[in-house]
PDB file of N, CA and C in Angstrom:
ATOM      1  N   MET A   1      38.599 -29.951   6.714  1.00  0.00           N
ATOM      2  CA  MET A   1      37.962 -30.999   5.946  1.00  0.00           C
ATOM      3  C   MET A   1      38.365 -30.906   4.470  1.00  0.00           C
ATOM      4  N   GLN A   2      38.535 -29.678   3.949  1.00  0.00           N
ATOM      5  CA  GLN A   2      38.927 -29.523   2.553  1.00  0.00           C
ATOM      6  C   GLN A   2      40.321 -30.078   2.312  1.00  0.00           C
ATOM      7  N   ARG A   3      41.187 -30.011   3.334  1.00  0.00           N
ATOM      8  CA  ARG A   3      42.532 -30.565   3.183  1.00  0.00           C
ATOM      9  C   ARG A   3      42.461 -32.075   2.982  1.00  0.00           C
ATOM     10  N   LEU A   4      41.583 -32.746   3.726  1.00  0.00           N
ATOM     11  CA  LEU A   4      41.432 -34.187   3.568  1.00  0.00           C
ATOM     12  C   LEU A   4      40.891 -34.530   2.183  1.00  0.00           C
ATOM     13  N   GLU A   5      39.951 -33.729   1.678  1.00  0.00           N
ATOM     14  CA  GLU A   5      39.415 -33.970   0.343  1.00  0.00           C
ATOM     15  C   GLU A   5      40.505 -33.847  -0.710  1.00  0.00           C
ATOM     16  N   LYS A   6      41.405 -32.870  -0.537  1.00  0.00           N
ATOM     17  CA  LYS A   6      42.488 -32.692  -1.497  1.00  0.00           C
ATOM     18  C   LYS A   6      43.430 -33.882  -1.493  1.00  0.00           C
ATOM     19  N   ILE A   7      43.709 -34.436  -0.298  1.00  0.00           N
ATOM     20  CA  ILE A   7      44.625 -35.569  -0.201  1.00  0.00           C
ATOM     21  C   ILE A   7      44.084 -36.760  -0.979  1.00  0.00           C
ATOM     22  N   PHE A   8      42.779 -36.983  -0.890  1.00  0.00           N
ATOM     23  CA  PHE A   8      42.195 -38.157  -1.520  1.00  0.00           C
ATOM     24  C   PHE A   8      41.516 -37.848  -2.843  1.00  0.00           C
ATOM     25  N   ASP A   9      41.687 -36.631  -3.356  1.00  0.00           N
ATOM     26  CA  ASP A   9      41.107 -36.248  -4.635  1.00  0.00           C
ATOM     27  C   ASP A   9      41.828 -37.010  -5.744  1.00  0.00           C
ATOM     28  N   ASN A  10      41.075 -37.632  -6.613  1.00  0.00           N
ATOM     29  CA  ASN A  10      41.664 -38.439  -7.665  1.00  0.00           C
ATOM     30  C   ASN A  10      41.671 -37.663  -8.975  1.00  0.00           C
ATOM     31  N   LYS A  11      42.859 -37.379  -9.490  1.00  0.00           N
ATOM     32  CA  LYS A  11      42.992 -36.702 -10.766  1.00  0.00           C
ATOM     33  C   LYS A  11      43.616 -37.630 -11.801  1.00  0.00           C
ATOM     34  N   GLY A  12      43.721 -38.906 -11.458  1.00  0.00           N
ATOM     35  CA  GLY A  12      44.373 -39.865 -12.332  1.00  0.00           C
ATOM     36  C   GLY A  12      43.496 -40.301 -13.494  1.00  0.00           C
ATOM     37  N   VAL A  13      44.127 -40.387 -14.653  1.00  0.00           N
ATOM     38  CA  VAL A  13      43.492 -40.909 -15.860  1.00  0.00           C
ATOM     39  C   VAL A  13      44.408 -42.004 -16.388  1.00  0.00           C
ATOM     40  N   LYS A  14      43.850 -43.158 -16.631  1.00  0.00           N
ATOM     41  CA  LYS A  14      44.649 -44.266 -17.160  1.00  0.00           C
ATOM     42  C   LYS A  14      44.290 -44.462 -18.626  1.00  0.00           C
ATOM     43  N   VAL A  15      45.222 -44.149 -19.507  1.00  0.00           N
ATOM     44  CA  VAL A  15      45.010 -44.349 -20.937  1.00  0.00           C
ATOM     45  C   VAL A  15      45.286 -45.820 -21.227  1.00  0.00           C
ATOM     46  N   LEU A  16      44.291 -46.490 -21.781  1.00  0.00           N
ATOM     47  CA  LEU A  16      44.396 -47.927 -22.052  1.00  0.00           C
ATOM     48  C   LEU A  16      44.981 -48.207 -23.437  1.00  0.00           C
ATOM     49  N   ALA A  17      44.580 -47.422 -24.414  1.00  0.00           N
ATOM     50  CA  ALA A  17      45.043 -47.644 -25.785  1.00  0.00           C
ATOM     51  C   ALA A  17      44.701 -46.428 -26.628  1.00  0.00           C
ATOM     52  N   GLY A  18      45.344 -46.355 -27.770  1.00  0.00           N
ATOM     53  CA  GLY A  18      45.006 -45.287 -28.700  1.00  0.00           C
ATOM     54  C   GLY A  18      46.220 -44.647 -29.333  1.00  0.00           C
ATOM     55  N   ASP A  19      46.029 -43.421 -29.805  1.00  0.00           N
ATOM     56  CA  ASP A  19      47.068 -42.705 -30.523  1.00  0.00           C
ATOM     57  C   ASP A  19      48.023 -41.947 -29.608  1.00  0.00           C
ATOM     58  N   ILE A  20      47.787 -41.965 -28.307  1.00  0.00           N
ATOM     59  CA  ILE A  20      48.767 -41.435 -27.361  1.00  0.00           C
ATOM     60  C   ILE A  20      49.263 -42.603 -26.527  1.00  0.00           C
ATOM     61  N   ASP A  21      50.422 -42.437 -25.917  1.00  0.00           N
ATOM     62  CA  ASP A  21      51.030 -43.534 -25.171  1.00  0.00           C
ATOM     63  C   ASP A  21      50.126 -44.004 -24.036  1.00  0.00           C
ATOM     64  N   ALA A  22      49.967 -45.321 -23.913  1.00  0.00           N
ATOM     65  CA  ALA A  22      49.195 -45.893 -22.809  1.00  0.00           C
ATOM     66  C   ALA A  22      49.951 -45.653 -21.508  1.00  0.00           C
ATOM     67  N   GLY A  23      49.209 -45.487 -20.431  1.00  0.00           N
ATOM     68  CA  GLY A  23      49.829 -45.294 -19.127  1.00  0.00           C
ATOM     69  C   GLY A  23      49.020 -44.381 -18.242  1.00  0.00           C
ATOM     70  N   ASP A  24      49.633 -43.987 -17.136  1.00  0.00           N
ATOM     71  CA  ASP A  24      48.973 -43.157 -16.140  1.00  0.00           C
ATOM     72  C   ASP A  24      49.269 -41.682 -16.401  1.00  0.00           C
ATOM     73  N   TYR A  25      48.212 -40.883 -16.386  1.00  0.00           N
ATOM     74  CA  TYR A  25      48.305 -39.446 -16.596  1.00  0.00           C
ATOM     75  C   TYR A  25      47.589 -38.755 -15.451  1.00  0.00           C
ATOM     76  N   GLU A  26      47.868 -37.461 -15.289  1.00  0.00           N
ATOM     77  CA  GLU A  26      47.127 -36.642 -14.337  1.00  0.00           C
ATOM     78  C   GLU A  26      46.384 -35.570 -15.120  1.00  0.00           C
ATOM     79  N   PHE A  27      45.088 -35.432 -14.818  1.00  0.00           N
ATOM     80  CA  PHE A  27      44.275 -34.406 -15.463  1.00  0.00           C
ATOM     81  C   PHE A  27      44.382 -33.139 -14.644  1.00  0.00           C
ATOM     82  N   ASN A  28      44.919 -32.076 -15.250  1.00  0.00           N
ATOM     83  CA  ASN A  28      45.105 -30.824 -14.539  1.00  0.00           C
ATOM     84  C   ASN A  28      45.167 -29.683 -15.544  1.00  0.00           C
ATOM     85  N   MET A  29      44.482 -28.597 -15.264  1.00  0.00           N
ATOM     86  CA  MET A  29      44.498 -27.386 -16.088  1.00  0.00           C
ATOM     87  C   MET A  29      44.143 -27.660 -17.553  1.00  0.00           C
ATOM     88  N   GLY A  30      43.167 -28.530 -17.773  1.00  0.00           N
ATOM     89  CA  GLY A  30      42.687 -28.789 -19.127  1.00  0.00           C
ATOM     90  C   GLY A  30      43.621 -29.624 -19.977  1.00  0.00           C
ATOM     91  N   ALA A  31      44.515 -30.368 -19.337  1.00  0.00           N
ATOM     92  CA  ALA A  31      45.460 -31.203 -20.080  1.00  0.00           C
ATOM     93  C   ALA A  31      45.731 -32.493 -19.328  1.00  0.00           C
ATOM     94  N   LEU A  32      46.216 -33.486 -20.054  1.00  0.00           N
ATOM     95  CA  LEU A  32      46.684 -34.725 -19.444  1.00  0.00           C
ATOM     96  C   LEU A  32      48.205 -34.648 -19.361  1.00  0.00           C
ATOM     97  N   TRP A  33      48.731 -34.842 -18.170  1.00  0.00           N
ATOM     98  CA  TRP A  33      50.167 -34.770 -17.939  1.00  0.00           C
ATOM     99  C   TRP A  33      50.665 -36.158 -17.557  1.00  0.00           C
ATOM    100  N   GLY A  34      51.657 -36.643 -18.269  1.00  0.00           N
ATOM    101  CA  GLY A  34      52.198 -37.951 -17.934  1.00  0.00           C
ATOM    102  C   GLY A  34      53.547 -38.192 -18.573  1.00  0.00           C
ATOM    103  N   GLY A  35      54.477 -38.697 -17.773  1.00  0.00           N
ATOM    104  CA  GLY A  35      55.801 -39.020 -18.292  1.00  0.00           C
ATOM    105  C   GLY A  35      56.400 -37.870 -19.076  1.00  0.00           C
ATOM    106  N   PHE A  36      56.650 -38.124 -20.344  1.00  0.00           N
ATOM    107  CA  PHE A  36      57.248 -37.114 -21.215  1.00  0.00           C
ATOM    108  C   PHE A  36      56.232 -36.521 -22.181  1.00  0.00           C
ATOM    109  N   GLU A  37      54.960 -36.814 -21.948  1.00  0.00           N
ATOM    110  CA  GLU A  37      53.933 -36.371 -22.885  1.00  0.00           C
ATOM    111  C   GLU A  37      52.870 -35.537 -22.170  1.00  0.00           C
ATOM    112  N   THR A  38      52.493 -34.446 -22.800  1.00  0.00           N
ATOM    113  CA  THR A  38      51.377 -33.620 -22.333  1.00  0.00           C
ATOM    114  C   THR A  38      50.380 -33.538 -23.477  1.00  0.00           C
ATOM    115  N   VAL A  39      49.124 -33.857 -23.183  1.00  0.00           N
ATOM    116  CA  VAL A  39      48.080 -33.819 -24.198  1.00  0.00           C
ATOM    117  C   VAL A  39      47.110 -32.703 -23.833  1.00  0.00           C
ATOM    118  N   GLN A  40      47.102 -31.644 -24.638  1.00  0.00           N
ATOM    119  CA  GLN A  40      46.217 -30.504 -24.409  1.00  0.00           C
ATOM    120  C   GLN A  40      44.789 -30.903 -24.790  1.00  0.00           C
ATOM    121  N   LEU A  41      43.849 -30.715 -23.880  1.00  0.00           N
ATOM    122  CA  LEU A  41      42.457 -31.086 -24.139  1.00  0.00           C
ATOM    123  C   LEU A  41      41.549 -29.874 -24.306  1.00  0.00           C
ATOM    124  N   GLN A  42      41.881 -28.772 -23.652  1.00  0.00           N
ATOM    125  CA  GLN A  42      41.017 -27.594 -23.704  1.00  0.00           C
ATOM    126  C   GLN A  42      40.927 -27.073 -25.134  1.00  0.00           C
ATOM    127  N   GLY A  43      39.702 -27.092 -25.672  1.00  0.00           N
ATOM    128  CA  GLY A  43      39.463 -26.646 -27.035  1.00  0.00           C
ATOM    129  C   GLY A  43      39.872 -27.648 -28.096  1.00  0.00           C
ATOM    130  N   GLU A  44      40.330 -28.831 -27.687  1.00  0.00           N
ATOM    131  CA  GLU A  44      40.832 -29.826 -28.633  1.00  0.00           C
ATOM    132  C   GLU A  44      39.993 -31.101 -28.693  1.00  0.00           C
ATOM    133  N   ILE A  45      38.996 -31.250 -27.823  1.00  0.00           N
ATOM    134  CA  ILE A  45      38.186 -32.471 -27.804  1.00  0.00           C
ATOM    135  C   ILE A  45      37.069 -32.355 -28.838  1.00  0.00           C
ATOM    136  N   LYS A  46      37.086 -33.283 -29.792  1.00  0.00           N
ATOM    137  CA  LYS A  46      36.030 -33.328 -30.806  1.00  0.00           C
ATOM    138  C   LYS A  46      34.810 -34.066 -30.273  1.00  0.00           C
ATOM    139  N   SER A  47      35.055 -35.217 -29.628  1.00  0.00           N
ATOM    140  CA  SER A  47      33.959 -35.978 -29.024  1.00  0.00           C
ATOM    141  C   SER A  47      34.475 -36.779 -27.840  1.00  0.00           C
ATOM    142  N   LEU A  48      33.579 -37.032 -26.901  1.00  0.00           N
ATOM    143  CA  LEU A  48      33.881 -37.826 -25.723  1.00  0.00           C
ATOM    144  C   LEU A  48      32.693 -38.743 -25.502  1.00  0.00           C
ATOM    145  N   THR A  49      32.922 -40.045 -25.626  1.00  0.00           N
ATOM    146  CA  THR A  49      31.834 -41.020 -25.563  1.00  0.00           C
ATOM    147  C   THR A  49      32.033 -41.963 -24.392  1.00  0.00           C
ATOM    148  N   LEU A  50      31.037 -42.027 -23.525  1.00  0.00           N
ATOM    149  CA  LEU A  50      31.076 -42.930 -22.378  1.00  0.00           C
ATOM    150  C   LEU A  50      30.975 -44.371 -22.867  1.00  0.00           C
ATOM    151  N   GLN A  51      31.883 -45.224 -22.404  1.00  0.00           N
ATOM    152  CA  GLN A  51      31.874 -46.633 -22.789  1.00  0.00           C
ATOM    153  C   GLN A  51      31.299 -47.511 -21.674  1.00  0.00           C
ATOM    154  N   THR A  52      31.803 -47.350 -20.445  1.00  0.00           N
ATOM    155  CA  THR A  52      31.297 -48.116 -19.303  1.00  0.00           C
ATOM    156  C   THR A  52      31.334 -47.246 -18.061  1.00  0.00           C
ATOM    157  N   GLU A  53      30.608 -47.703 -17.035  1.00  0.00           N
ATOM    158  CA  GLU A  53      30.569 -46.990 -15.756  1.00  0.00           C
ATOM    159  C   GLU A  53      30.436 -48.034 -14.661  1.00  0.00           C
ATOM    160  N   GLU A  54      31.220 -47.882 -13.586  1.00  0.00           N
ATOM    161  CA  GLU A  54      31.093 -48.822 -12.480  1.00  0.00           C
ATOM    162  C   GLU A  54      31.422 -48.131 -11.167  1.00  0.00           C
ATOM    163  N   SER A  55      30.868 -48.648 -10.101  1.00  0.00           N
ATOM    164  CA  SER A  55      31.170 -48.109  -8.778  1.00  0.00           C
ATOM    165  C   SER A  55      32.432 -48.775  -8.271  1.00  0.00           C
ATOM    166  N   VAL A  56      33.302 -47.973  -7.691  1.00  0.00           N
ATOM    167  CA  VAL A  56      34.581 -48.470  -7.195  1.00  0.00           C
ATOM    168  C   VAL A  56      34.757 -47.950  -5.781  1.00  0.00           C
ATOM    169  N   LYS A  57      35.269 -48.780  -4.904  1.00  0.00           N
ATOM    170  CA  LYS A  57      35.555 -48.339  -3.540  1.00  0.00           C
ATOM    171  C   LYS A  57      37.069 -48.302  -3.402  1.00  0.00           C
ATOM    172  N   LYS A  58      37.608 -47.097  -3.224  1.00  0.00           N
ATOM    173  CA  LYS A  58      39.054 -46.934  -3.080  1.00  0.00           C
ATOM    174  C   LYS A  58      39.444 -47.162  -1.631  1.00  0.00           C
ATOM    175  N   VAL A  59      40.452 -48.018  -1.419  1.00  0.00           N
ATOM    176  CA  VAL A  59      40.898 -48.337  -0.071  1.00  0.00           C
ATOM    177  C   VAL A  59      41.476 -47.100   0.612  1.00  0.00           C
ATOM    178  N   ALA A  60      42.297 -46.335  -0.085  1.00  0.00           N
ATOM    179  CA  ALA A  60      42.918 -45.152   0.524  1.00  0.00           C
ATOM    180  C   ALA A  60      41.854 -44.152   0.961  1.00  0.00           C
ATOM    181  N   GLY A  61      40.879 -43.921   0.120  1.00  0.00           N
ATOM    182  CA  GLY A  61      39.813 -42.981   0.464  1.00  0.00           C
ATOM    183  C   GLY A  61      38.992 -43.473   1.632  1.00  0.00           C
ATOM    184  N   THR A  62      38.701 -44.753   1.645  1.00  0.00           N
ATOM    185  CA  THR A  62      37.914 -45.331   2.732  1.00  0.00           C
ATOM    186  C   THR A  62      38.648 -45.200   4.056  1.00  0.00           C
ATOM    187  N   LEU A  63      39.940 -45.534   4.067  1.00  0.00           N
ATOM    188  CA  LEU A  63      40.723 -45.426   5.299  1.00  0.00           C
ATOM    189  C   LEU A  63      40.855 -43.971   5.737  1.00  0.00           C
ATOM    190  N   GLY A  64      41.039 -43.087   4.778  1.00  0.00           N
ATOM    191  CA  GLY A  64      41.166 -41.664   5.102  1.00  0.00           C
ATOM    192  C   GLY A  64      39.908 -41.107   5.730  1.00  0.00           C
ATOM    193  N   TRP A  65      38.765 -41.421   5.159  1.00  0.00           N
ATOM    194  CA  TRP A  65      37.509 -40.930   5.726  1.00  0.00           C
ATOM    195  C   TRP A  65      37.219 -41.598   7.065  1.00  0.00           C
ATOM    196  N   GLY A  66      37.635 -42.850   7.219  1.00  0.00           N
ATOM    197  CA  GLY A  66      37.478 -43.518   8.512  1.00  0.00           C
ATOM    198  C   GLY A  66      38.300 -42.831   9.586  1.00  0.00           C
ATOM    199  N   LEU A  67      39.543 -42.462   9.238  1.00  0.00           N
ATOM    200  CA  LEU A  67      40.410 -41.754  10.171  1.00  0.00           C
ATOM    201  C   LEU A  67      39.846 -40.372  10.495  1.00  0.00           C
ATOM    202  N   ALA A  68      39.399 -39.656   9.481  1.00  0.00           N
ATOM    203  CA  ALA A  68      38.823 -38.327   9.692  1.00  0.00           C
ATOM    204  C   ALA A  68      37.582 -38.417  10.589  1.00  0.00           C
ATOM    205  N   GLY A  69      36.752 -39.399  10.332  1.00  0.00           N
ATOM    206  CA  GLY A  69      35.547 -39.575  11.150  1.00  0.00           C
ATOM    207  C   GLY A  69      35.872 -39.892  12.590  1.00  0.00           C
ATOM    208  N   SER A  70      36.920 -40.718  12.799  1.00  0.00           N
ATOM    209  CA  SER A  70      37.276 -41.075  14.172  1.00  0.00           C
ATOM    210  C   SER A  70      37.852 -39.877  14.919  1.00  0.00           C
ATOM    211  N   LEU A  71      38.575 -39.001  14.221  1.00  0.00           N
ATOM    212  CA  LEU A  71      39.133 -37.818  14.868  1.00  0.00           C
ATOM    213  C   LEU A  71      38.030 -36.833  15.262  1.00  0.00           C
ATOM    214  N   VAL A  72      37.001 -36.741  14.436  1.00  0.00           N
ATOM    215  CA  VAL A  72      35.936 -35.773  14.686  1.00  0.00           C
ATOM    216  C   VAL A  72      34.874 -36.331  15.635  1.00  0.00           C
ATOM    217  N   LEU A  73      34.417 -37.542  15.390  1.00  0.00           N
ATOM    218  CA  LEU A  73      33.281 -38.078  16.148  1.00  0.00           C
ATOM    219  C   LEU A  73      33.579 -39.364  16.916  1.00  0.00           C
ATOM    220  N   GLY A  74      34.826 -39.757  16.989  1.00  0.00           N
ATOM    221  CA  GLY A  74      35.179 -40.961  17.731  1.00  0.00           C
ATOM    222  C   GLY A  74      34.825 -42.225  16.958  1.00  0.00           C
ATOM    223  N   PRO A  75      34.586 -43.322  17.670  1.00  0.00           N
ATOM    224  CA  PRO A  75      34.326 -44.615  17.016  1.00  0.00           C
ATOM    225  C   PRO A  75      33.131 -44.614  16.070  1.00  0.00           C
ATOM    226  N   VAL A  76      32.072 -43.896  16.436  1.00  0.00           N
ATOM    227  CA  VAL A  76      30.896 -43.834  15.569  1.00  0.00           C
ATOM    228  C   VAL A  76      31.262 -43.120  14.265  1.00  0.00           C
ATOM    229  N   GLY A  77      32.035 -42.059  14.373  1.00  0.00           N
ATOM    230  CA  GLY A  77      32.488 -41.328  13.194  1.00  0.00           C
ATOM    231  C   GLY A  77      33.391 -42.170  12.317  1.00  0.00           C
ATOM    232  N   MET A  78      34.213 -43.012  12.955  1.00  0.00           N
ATOM    233  CA  MET A  78      35.089 -43.891  12.187  1.00  0.00           C
ATOM    234  C   MET A  78      34.255 -44.868  11.356  1.00  0.00           C
ATOM    235  N   LEU A  79      33.233 -45.442  11.947  1.00  0.00           N
ATOM    236  CA  LEU A  79      32.384 -46.383  11.213  1.00  0.00           C
ATOM    237  C   LEU A  79      31.667 -45.687  10.061  1.00  0.00           C
ATOM    238  N   ALA A  80      31.186 -44.479  10.313  1.00  0.00           N
ATOM    239  CA  ALA A  80      30.510 -43.731   9.251  1.00  0.00           C
ATOM    240  C   ALA A  80      31.485 -43.395   8.134  1.00  0.00           C
ATOM    241  N   GLY A  81      32.692 -42.985   8.492  1.00  0.00           N
ATOM    242  CA  GLY A  81      33.713 -42.661   7.487  1.00  0.00           C
ATOM    243  C   GLY A  81      34.093 -43.874   6.654  1.00  0.00           C
ATOM    244  N   LEU A  82      34.228 -45.030   7.304  1.00  0.00           N
ATOM    245  CA  LEU A  82      34.561 -46.249   6.570  1.00  0.00           C
ATOM    246  C   LEU A  82      33.433 -46.661   5.634  1.00  0.00           C
ATOM    247  N   ALA A  83      32.188 -46.441   6.066  1.00  0.00           N
ATOM    248  CA  ALA A  83      31.045 -46.821   5.240  1.00  0.00           C
ATOM    249  C   ALA A  83      30.873 -45.888   4.040  1.00  0.00           C
ATOM    250  N   LEU A  84      31.099 -44.596   4.248  1.00  0.00           N
ATOM    251  CA  LEU A  84      30.823 -43.615   3.200  1.00  0.00           C
ATOM    252  C   LEU A  84      32.037 -43.224   2.380  1.00  0.00           C
ATOM    253  N   GLY A  85      33.205 -43.282   2.981  1.00  0.00           N
ATOM    254  CA  GLY A  85      34.403 -42.784   2.311  1.00  0.00           C
ATOM    255  C   GLY A  85      34.885 -43.685   1.202  1.00  0.00           C
ATOM    256  N   GLY A  86      35.479 -43.070   0.200  1.00  0.00           N
ATOM    257  CA  GLY A  86      36.118 -43.820  -0.867  1.00  0.00           C
ATOM    258  C   GLY A  86      35.195 -44.307  -1.955  1.00  0.00           C
ATOM    259  N   ASN A  87      33.898 -44.090  -1.835  1.00  0.00           N
ATOM    260  CA  ASN A  87      32.988 -44.498  -2.903  1.00  0.00           C
ATOM    261  C   ASN A  87      33.083 -43.510  -4.053  1.00  0.00           C
ATOM    262  N   ARG A  88      33.190 -44.024  -5.255  1.00  0.00           N
ATOM    263  CA  ARG A  88      33.218 -43.142  -6.413  1.00  0.00           C
ATOM    264  C   ARG A  88      32.814 -43.938  -7.635  1.00  0.00           C
ATOM    265  N   LYS A  89      32.521 -43.231  -8.681  1.00  0.00           N
ATOM    266  CA  LYS A  89      32.194 -43.874  -9.958  1.00  0.00           C
ATOM    267  C   LYS A  89      33.394 -43.747 -10.867  1.00  0.00           C
ATOM    268  N   GLU A  90      33.762 -44.838 -11.475  1.00  0.00           N
ATOM    269  CA  GLU A  90      34.832 -44.831 -12.458  1.00  0.00           C
ATOM    270  C   GLU A  90      34.220 -45.125 -13.818  1.00  0.00           C
ATOM    271  N   VAL A  91      34.660 -44.372 -14.816  1.00  0.00           N
ATOM    272  CA  VAL A  91      34.111 -44.533 -16.154  1.00  0.00           C
ATOM    273  C   VAL A  91      35.233 -44.830 -17.142  1.00  0.00           C
ATOM    274  N   CYS A  92      34.840 -45.439 -18.229  1.00  0.00           N
ATOM    275  CA  CYS A  92      35.743 -45.655 -19.352  1.00  0.00           C
ATOM    276  C   CYS A  92      35.165 -44.843 -20.507  1.00  0.00           C
ATOM    277  N   ALA A  93      36.004 -44.015 -21.134  1.00  0.00           N
ATOM    278  CA  ALA A  93      35.512 -43.136 -22.183  1.00  0.00           C
ATOM    279  C   ALA A  93      36.446 -43.163 -23.386  1.00  0.00           C
ATOM    280  N   LEU A  94      35.862 -42.995 -24.560  1.00  0.00           N
ATOM    281  CA  LEU A  94      36.611 -42.869 -25.808  1.00  0.00           C
ATOM    282  C   LEU A  94      36.658 -41.386 -26.147  1.00  0.00           C
ATOM    283  N   CYS A  95      37.868 -40.861 -26.259  1.00  0.00           N
ATOM    284  CA  CYS A  95      38.051 -39.443 -26.534  1.00  0.00           C
ATOM    285  C   CYS A  95      38.653 -39.277 -27.927  1.00  0.00           C
ATOM    286  N   GLU A  96      38.018 -38.446 -28.744  1.00  0.00           N
ATOM    287  CA  GLU A  96      38.548 -38.131 -30.071  1.00  0.00           C
ATOM    288  C   GLU A  96      38.922 -36.657 -30.091  1.00  0.00           C
ATOM    289  N   LEU A  97      40.160 -36.384 -30.472  1.00  0.00           N
ATOM    290  CA  LEU A  97      40.650 -35.017 -30.528  1.00  0.00           C
ATOM    291  C   LEU A  97      40.443 -34.443 -31.921  1.00  0.00           C
ATOM    292  N   LYS A  98      40.464 -33.125 -32.026  1.00  0.00           N
ATOM    293  CA  LYS A  98      40.229 -32.460 -33.304  1.00  0.00           C
ATOM    294  C   LYS A  98      41.314 -32.753 -34.335  1.00  0.00           C
ATOM    295  N   ASP A  99      42.506 -33.135 -33.873  1.00  0.00           N
ATOM    296  CA  ASP A  99      43.581 -33.463 -34.808  1.00  0.00           C
ATOM    297  C   ASP A  99      43.514 -34.905 -35.311  1.00  0.00           C
ATOM    298  N   GLY A 100      42.445 -35.631 -34.903  1.00  0.00           N
ATOM    299  CA  GLY A 100      42.235 -36.992 -35.400  1.00  0.00           C
ATOM    300  C   GLY A 100      42.699 -38.088 -34.461  1.00  0.00           C
ATOM    301  N   ARG A 101      43.470 -37.748 -33.440  1.00  0.00           N
ATOM    302  CA  ARG A 101      43.921 -38.768 -32.484  1.00  0.00           C
ATOM    303  C   ARG A 101      42.746 -39.212 -31.617  1.00  0.00           C
ATOM    304  N   LYS A 102      42.774 -40.485 -31.242  1.00  0.00           N
ATOM    305  CA  LYS A 102      41.758 -41.063 -30.362  1.00  0.00           C
ATOM    306  C   LYS A 102      42.466 -41.846 -29.269  1.00  0.00           C
ATOM    307  N   PHE A 103      41.802 -41.923 -28.097  1.00  0.00           N
ATOM    308  CA  PHE A 103      42.324 -42.787 -27.047  1.00  0.00           C
ATOM    309  C   PHE A 103      41.189 -43.235 -26.137  1.00  0.00           C
ATOM    310  N   LEU A 104      41.385 -44.401 -25.537  1.00  0.00           N
ATOM    311  CA  LEU A 104      40.433 -44.989 -24.600  1.00  0.00           C
ATOM    312  C   LEU A 104      41.055 -44.885 -23.218  1.00  0.00           C
ATOM    313  N   ALA A 105      40.302 -44.343 -22.245  1.00  0.00           N
ATOM    314  CA  ALA A 105      40.858 -44.122 -20.914  1.00  0.00           C
ATOM    315  C   ALA A 105      39.817 -44.360 -19.832  1.00  0.00           C
ATOM    316  N   THR A 106      40.299 -44.749 -18.647  1.00  0.00           N
ATOM    317  CA  THR A 106      39.444 -44.851 -17.472  1.00  0.00           C
ATOM    318  C   THR A 106      39.774 -43.692 -16.552  1.00  0.00           C
ATOM    319  N   MET A 107      38.733 -43.182 -15.887  1.00  0.00           N
ATOM    320  CA  MET A 107      38.900 -42.012 -15.022  1.00  0.00           C
ATOM    321  C   MET A 107      37.739 -41.924 -14.048  1.00  0.00           C
ATOM    322  N   ASP A 108      37.883 -41.079 -13.058  1.00  0.00           N
ATOM    323  CA  ASP A 108      36.815 -40.787 -12.121  1.00  0.00           C
ATOM    324  C   ASP A 108      35.691 -40.068 -12.869  1.00  0.00           C
ATOM    325  N   SER A 109      34.457 -40.264 -12.460  1.00  0.00           N
ATOM    326  CA  SER A 109      33.332 -39.631 -13.160  1.00  0.00           C
ATOM    327  C   SER A 109      33.404 -38.106 -13.117  1.00  0.00           C
ATOM    328  N   LYS A 110      34.010 -37.540 -12.076  1.00  0.00           N
ATOM    329  CA  LYS A 110      34.149 -36.086 -11.998  1.00  0.00           C
ATOM    330  C   LYS A 110      35.101 -35.576 -13.083  1.00  0.00           C
ATOM    331  N   ILE A 111      36.152 -36.312 -13.351  1.00  0.00           N
ATOM    332  CA  ILE A 111      37.080 -35.926 -14.421  1.00  0.00           C
ATOM    333  C   ILE A 111      36.371 -36.036 -15.761  1.00  0.00           C
ATOM    334  N   TYR A 112      35.573 -37.086 -15.937  1.00  0.00           N
ATOM    335  CA  TYR A 112      34.811 -37.248 -17.175  1.00  0.00           C
ATOM    336  C   TYR A 112      33.909 -36.032 -17.400  1.00  0.00           C
ATOM    337  N   GLN A 113      33.238 -35.573 -16.343  1.00  0.00           N
ATOM    338  CA  GLN A 113      32.356 -34.409 -16.465  1.00  0.00           C
ATOM    339  C   GLN A 113      33.147 -33.162 -16.851  1.00  0.00           C
ATOM    340  N   GLN A 114      34.337 -32.991 -16.273  1.00  0.00           N
ATOM    341  CA  GLN A 114      35.174 -31.841 -16.610  1.00  0.00           C
ATOM    342  C   GLN A 114      35.649 -31.922 -18.061  1.00  0.00           C
ATOM    343  N   MET A 115      36.022 -33.125 -18.503  1.00  0.00           N
ATOM    344  CA  MET A 115      36.452 -33.294 -19.895  1.00  0.00           C
ATOM    345  C   MET A 115      35.284 -33.069 -20.847  1.00  0.00           C
ATOM    346  N   LEU A 116      34.096 -33.501 -20.439  1.00  0.00           N
ATOM    347  CA  LEU A 116      32.902 -33.277 -21.256  1.00  0.00           C
ATOM    348  C   LEU A 116      32.631 -31.774 -21.414  1.00  0.00           C
ATOM    349  N   ALA A 117      32.816 -31.033 -20.329  1.00  0.00           N
ATOM    350  CA  ALA A 117      32.659 -29.583 -20.398  1.00  0.00           C
ATOM    351  C   ALA A 117      33.698 -28.972 -21.344  1.00  0.00           C
ATOM    352  N   LEU A 118      34.924 -29.489 -21.314  1.00  0.00           N
ATOM    353  CA  LEU A 118      35.966 -28.986 -22.231  1.00  0.00           C
ATOM    354  C   LEU A 118      35.588 -29.259 -23.685  1.00  0.00           C
ATOM    355  N   SER A 119      34.879 -30.357 -23.910  1.00  0.00           N
ATOM    356  CA  SER A 119      34.508 -30.702 -25.295  1.00  0.00           C
ATOM    357  C   SER A 119      33.476 -29.721 -25.867  1.00  0.00           C
ATOM    358  N   MET A 120      32.829 -28.958 -24.989  1.00  0.00           N
ATOM    359  CA  MET A 120      31.818 -28.006 -25.449  1.00  0.00           C
ATOM    360  C   MET A 120      32.393 -26.616 -25.652  1.00  0.00           C
ATOM    361  N   MET A 121      33.679 -26.451 -25.324  1.00  0.00           N
ATOM    362  CA  MET A 121      34.342 -25.159 -25.540  1.00  0.00           C
ATOM    363  C   MET A 121      34.906 -25.102 -26.943  1.00  0.00           C
ATOM    364  N   LYS A 122      34.908 -23.907 -27.509  1.00  0.00           N
ATOM    365  CA  LYS A 122      35.458 -23.753 -28.856  1.00  0.00           C
ATOM    366  C   LYS A 122      36.790 -23.082 -28.816  1.00  0.00           C
TER     367      LYS A 122
END
């Protein structure tokens, strides 16, 4: 089951605007990795402010949980997986770094919580 969670685990952060290049990044090991740019966040976040929050149903996650449910519990499991899988909260947050750079990004609420924890580290 943990393997399925890893496949559908979302580490994507979409930078919408700001002092770093807009685009798709991956949040990993306390940094944003994308294209030719790496933005170190651990110990560098001055503030992180939640802008919006919405529920999003990811098609890939929903199909994956539906498939997993059908393999484990048959048709009933498939229906349960389709109903429960892929639900997540997506947030938009304004991040200000200690060097003065700011950026606006959308991300999964779990990534937001991890970034918020990084903002409390010195």
